[in-house]
Amino acid sequence: MNTKVTTIDEYLDGVDPAFRDELQRIRELVTALVPDVEESISYGKPKRSKFNCR
């Protein structure tokens, strides 16, 4: 990836197609299990954060 990505979708668009489907499946699974996590990009990589976790 040569351009700076700002969303998870942009990141996945740049991933090798051989891995993209599995990464999208994992993303959907995490969202289903922990729906209130926040997605972001940090240091050019996808990140999920959950605040007020107890």
Foldseek 3Di string as FASTA:
>chain_A
DPDQDWFPVVLLVPDDPVCSVVVVVVVVVVCVVPVPWDWTADPRHIDTHDPPDD
